[in-house]
C-alpha atoms as a PDB file:
ATOM      1  CA  UNK A   1     -15.722  -6.817  13.155  1.00  0.00           C
ATOM      2  CA  UNK A   2     -15.122  -5.844   9.467  1.00  0.00           C
ATOM      3  CA  UNK A   3     -12.605  -7.774   7.612  1.00  0.00           C
ATOM      4  CA  UNK A   4     -10.926  -5.931   4.705  1.00  0.00           C
ATOM      5  CA  UNK A   5      -8.765  -7.911   2.147  1.00  0.00           C
ATOM      6  CA  UNK A   6      -6.158  -6.232  -0.153  1.00  0.00           C
ATOM      7  CA  UNK A   7      -4.142  -8.106  -2.743  1.00  0.00           C
ATOM      8  CA  UNK A   8      -1.264  -7.257  -4.991  1.00  0.00           C
ATOM      9  CA  UNK A   9      -1.857  -7.781  -8.858  1.00  0.00           C
ATOM     10  CA  UNK A  10       0.110 -11.101  -8.733  1.00  0.00           C
ATOM     11  CA  UNK A  11      -2.745 -12.894  -6.650  1.00  0.00           C
ATOM     12  CA  UNK A  12      -6.010 -14.211  -8.544  1.00  0.00           C
ATOM     13  CA  UNK A  13      -9.491 -14.791  -7.272  1.00  0.00           C
ATOM     14  CA  UNK A  14      -9.784 -11.906  -5.282  1.00  0.00           C
ATOM     15  CA  UNK A  15     -13.443 -12.051  -4.434  1.00  0.00           C
ATOM     16  CA  UNK A  16     -13.616 -15.801  -3.610  1.00  0.00           C
ATOM     17  CA  UNK A  17     -10.390 -15.346  -1.813  1.00  0.00           C
ATOM     18  CA  UNK A  18     -11.559 -12.370   0.310  1.00  0.00           C
ATOM     19  CA  UNK A  19     -14.701 -14.577   1.376  1.00  0.00           C
ATOM     20  CA  UNK A  20     -12.392 -17.344   2.432  1.00  0.00           C
ATOM     21  CA  UNK A  21      -9.948 -15.122   4.259  1.00  0.00           C
ATOM     22  CA  UNK A  22     -12.787 -13.379   6.034  1.00  0.00           C
ATOM     23  CA  UNK A  23     -14.141 -16.731   7.444  1.00  0.00           C
ATOM     24  CA  UNK A  24     -10.542 -17.784   8.616  1.00  0.00           C
ATOM     25  CA  UNK A  25     -10.068 -14.437  10.433  1.00  0.00           C
ATOM     26  CA  UNK A  26     -13.471 -14.337  11.938  1.00  0.00           C
ATOM     27  CA  UNK A  27     -13.002 -17.999  13.213  1.00  0.00           C
ATOM     28  CA  UNK A  28      -9.432 -17.160  14.636  1.00  0.00           C
ATOM     29  CA  UNK A  29     -10.566 -14.118  16.370  1.00  0.00           C
ATOM     30  CA  UNK A  30     -14.051 -15.161  17.575  1.00  0.00           C
ATOM     31  CA  UNK A  31     -13.376 -14.989  21.266  1.00  0.00           C
ATOM     32  CA  UNK A  32     -12.161 -11.306  21.013  1.00  0.00           C
ATOM     33  CA  UNK A  33     -14.147 -10.076  18.244  1.00  0.00           C
ATOM     34  CA  UNK A  34     -16.181  -7.668  20.431  1.00  0.00           C
ATOM     35  CA  UNK A  35     -12.972  -5.673  20.968  1.00  0.00           C
ATOM     36  CA  UNK A  36     -11.957  -5.504  17.448  1.00  0.00           C
ATOM     37  CA  UNK A  37     -13.552  -2.979  14.931  1.00  0.00           C
ATOM     38  CA  UNK A  38     -11.668  -3.980  11.799  1.00  0.00           C
ATOM     39  CA  UNK A  39      -8.980  -6.374  10.520  1.00  0.00           C
ATOM     40  CA  UNK A  40      -7.177  -5.416   7.428  1.00  0.00           C
ATOM     41  CA  UNK A  41      -5.448  -8.278   5.364  1.00  0.00           C
ATOM     42  CA  UNK A  42      -2.765  -7.470   2.856  1.00  0.00           C
ATOM     43  CA  UNK A  43      -1.599 -10.382   0.744  1.00  0.00           C
ATOM     44  CA  UNK A  44       1.457 -10.273  -1.682  1.00  0.00           C
ATOM     45  CA  UNK A  45       3.776 -12.498  -3.671  1.00  0.00           C
ATOM     46  CA  UNK A  46       7.258 -11.592  -2.565  1.00  0.00           C
ATOM     47  CA  UNK A  47       8.882 -13.519  -5.353  1.00  0.00           C
ATOM     48  CA  UNK A  48       6.527 -12.811  -8.161  1.00  0.00           C
ATOM     49  CA  UNK A  49       9.380 -11.837 -10.464  1.00  0.00           C
ATOM     50  CA  UNK A  50      11.155 -15.146  -9.883  1.00  0.00           C
ATOM     51  CA  UNK A  51       8.172 -17.431 -10.129  1.00  0.00           C
ATOM     52  CA  UNK A  52       9.814 -19.824  -7.534  1.00  0.00           C
ATOM     53  CA  UNK A  53      11.253 -19.908  -3.988  1.00  0.00           C
ATOM     54  CA  UNK A  54      10.130 -20.802  -0.579  1.00  0.00           C
ATOM     55  CA  UNK A  55       7.868 -18.597   1.477  1.00  0.00           C
ATOM     56  CA  UNK A  56       6.842 -16.588  -1.517  1.00  0.00           C
ATOM     57  CA  UNK A  57       3.353 -15.602  -0.097  1.00  0.00           C
ATOM     58  CA  UNK A  58       3.225 -12.863   2.513  1.00  0.00           C
ATOM     59  CA  UNK A  59       0.186 -12.078   4.581  1.00  0.00           C
ATOM     60  CA  UNK A  60       0.075  -8.998   6.940  1.00  0.00           C
ATOM     61  CA  UNK A  61      -2.723  -8.598   9.328  1.00  0.00           C
ATOM     62  CA  UNK A  62      -3.628  -5.498  11.202  1.00  0.00           C
ATOM     63  CA  UNK A  63      -6.230  -5.343  13.876  1.00  0.00           C
ATOM     64  CA  UNK A  64      -7.804  -2.150  15.148  1.00  0.00           C
ATOM     65  CA  UNK A  65      -8.974  -2.346  18.731  1.00  0.00           C
ATOM     66  CA  UNK A  66     -11.354  -0.118  20.455  1.00  0.00           C
ATOM     67  CA  UNK A  67      -9.602   2.829  22.010  1.00  0.00           C
ATOM     68  CA  UNK A  68      -6.114   1.345  21.319  1.00  0.00           C
ATOM     69  CA  UNK A  69      -3.398   1.537  18.860  1.00  0.00           C
ATOM     70  CA  UNK A  70      -3.627  -1.132  15.859  1.00  0.00           C
ATOM     71  CA  UNK A  71      -1.575  -4.307  16.171  1.00  0.00           C
ATOM     72  CA  UNK A  72       0.010  -6.115  13.197  1.00  0.00           C
ATOM     73  CA  UNK A  73       1.534  -9.368  12.330  1.00  0.00           C
ATOM     74  CA  UNK A  74       3.158 -10.774   9.278  1.00  0.00           C
ATOM     75  CA  UNK A  75       3.606 -14.447   8.058  1.00  0.00           C
ATOM     76  CA  UNK A  76       5.329 -15.821   5.125  1.00  0.00           C
ATOM     77  CA  UNK A  77       4.752 -19.304   3.556  1.00  0.00           C
ATOM     78  CA  UNK A  78       4.649 -21.258   0.381  1.00  0.00           C
ATOM     79  CA  UNK A  79       0.925 -20.705  -0.345  1.00  0.00           C
ATOM     80  CA  UNK A  80      -1.790 -18.025   0.379  1.00  0.00           C
ATOM     81  CA  UNK A  81      -3.742 -20.401   2.678  1.00  0.00           C
ATOM     82  CA  UNK A  82      -0.794 -21.155   4.774  1.00  0.00           C
ATOM     83  CA  UNK A  83       0.281 -17.478   4.850  1.00  0.00           C
ATOM     84  CA  UNK A  84      -3.208 -16.517   6.044  1.00  0.00           C
ATOM     85  CA  UNK A  85      -3.620 -19.317   8.565  1.00  0.00           C
ATOM     86  CA  UNK A  86      -0.231 -18.402  10.094  1.00  0.00           C
ATOM     87  CA  UNK A  87      -0.954 -14.739  10.359  1.00  0.00           C
ATOM     88  CA  UNK A  88      -4.379 -15.379  11.841  1.00  0.00           C
ATOM     89  CA  UNK A  89      -2.857 -17.703  14.500  1.00  0.00           C
ATOM     90  CA  UNK A  90      -0.184 -15.109  15.306  1.00  0.00           C
ATOM     91  CA  UNK A  91      -2.882 -12.321  15.537  1.00  0.00           C
ATOM     92  CA  UNK A  92      -5.061 -14.551  17.688  1.00  0.00           C
ATOM     93  CA  UNK A  93      -2.167 -15.109  20.236  1.00  0.00           C
ATOM     94  CA  UNK A  94      -1.329 -11.424  20.182  1.00  0.00           C
ATOM     95  CA  UNK A  95      -4.900 -10.321  20.719  1.00  0.00           C
ATOM     96  CA  UNK A  96      -5.337 -12.739  23.730  1.00  0.00           C
ATOM     97  CA  UNK A  97      -2.062 -11.435  25.190  1.00  0.00           C
ATOM     98  CA  UNK A  98      -2.982  -7.768  24.654  1.00  0.00           C
ATOM     99  CA  UNK A  99      -6.474  -8.130  26.109  1.00  0.00           C
ATOM    100  CA  UNK A 100      -5.029 -10.079  28.870  1.00  0.00           C
ATOM    101  CA  UNK A 101      -2.693  -7.344  29.919  1.00  0.00           C
ATOM    102  CA  UNK A 102      -5.597  -4.998  29.751  1.00  0.00           C
ATOM    103  CA  UNK A 103      -7.633  -7.021  32.075  1.00  0.00           C
ATOM    104  CA  UNK A 104      -4.716  -7.608  34.392  1.00  0.00           C
ATOM    105  CA  UNK A 105      -4.079  -3.723  34.608  1.00  0.00           C
ATOM    106  CA  UNK A 106      -7.782  -2.966  35.099  1.00  0.00           C
ATOM    107  CA  UNK A 107      -8.041  -5.398  37.910  1.00  0.00           C
ATOM    108  CA  UNK A 108      -5.026  -3.848  39.690  1.00  0.00           C
ATOM    109  CA  UNK A 109      -6.643  -0.440  39.395  1.00  0.00           C
ATOM    110  CA  UNK A 110      -9.863  -1.695  41.098  1.00  0.00           C
END
């Protein structure tokens, strides 16, 4: 599973941040990583022009599954770390649900 991190120009420390985010994503999706080819992470500061405000950091994660359409989740929080953790948790739940449905469907066909 490859993790690709994209940030807007308002977020600093891109290389170290990308390494950290890669670890968070891999840990969250460890159980289902065999089914995922790539995860794209997009970070942005939604309130960069205001320099204040709640839930300014936005993290969108898109997972590409083998033979399926990509799935995406978004989470907004006050910090980059909270936004990434929230999006990773949502994506993990979505993957569990999606792959569970696939297994149920396949077992009914057998």
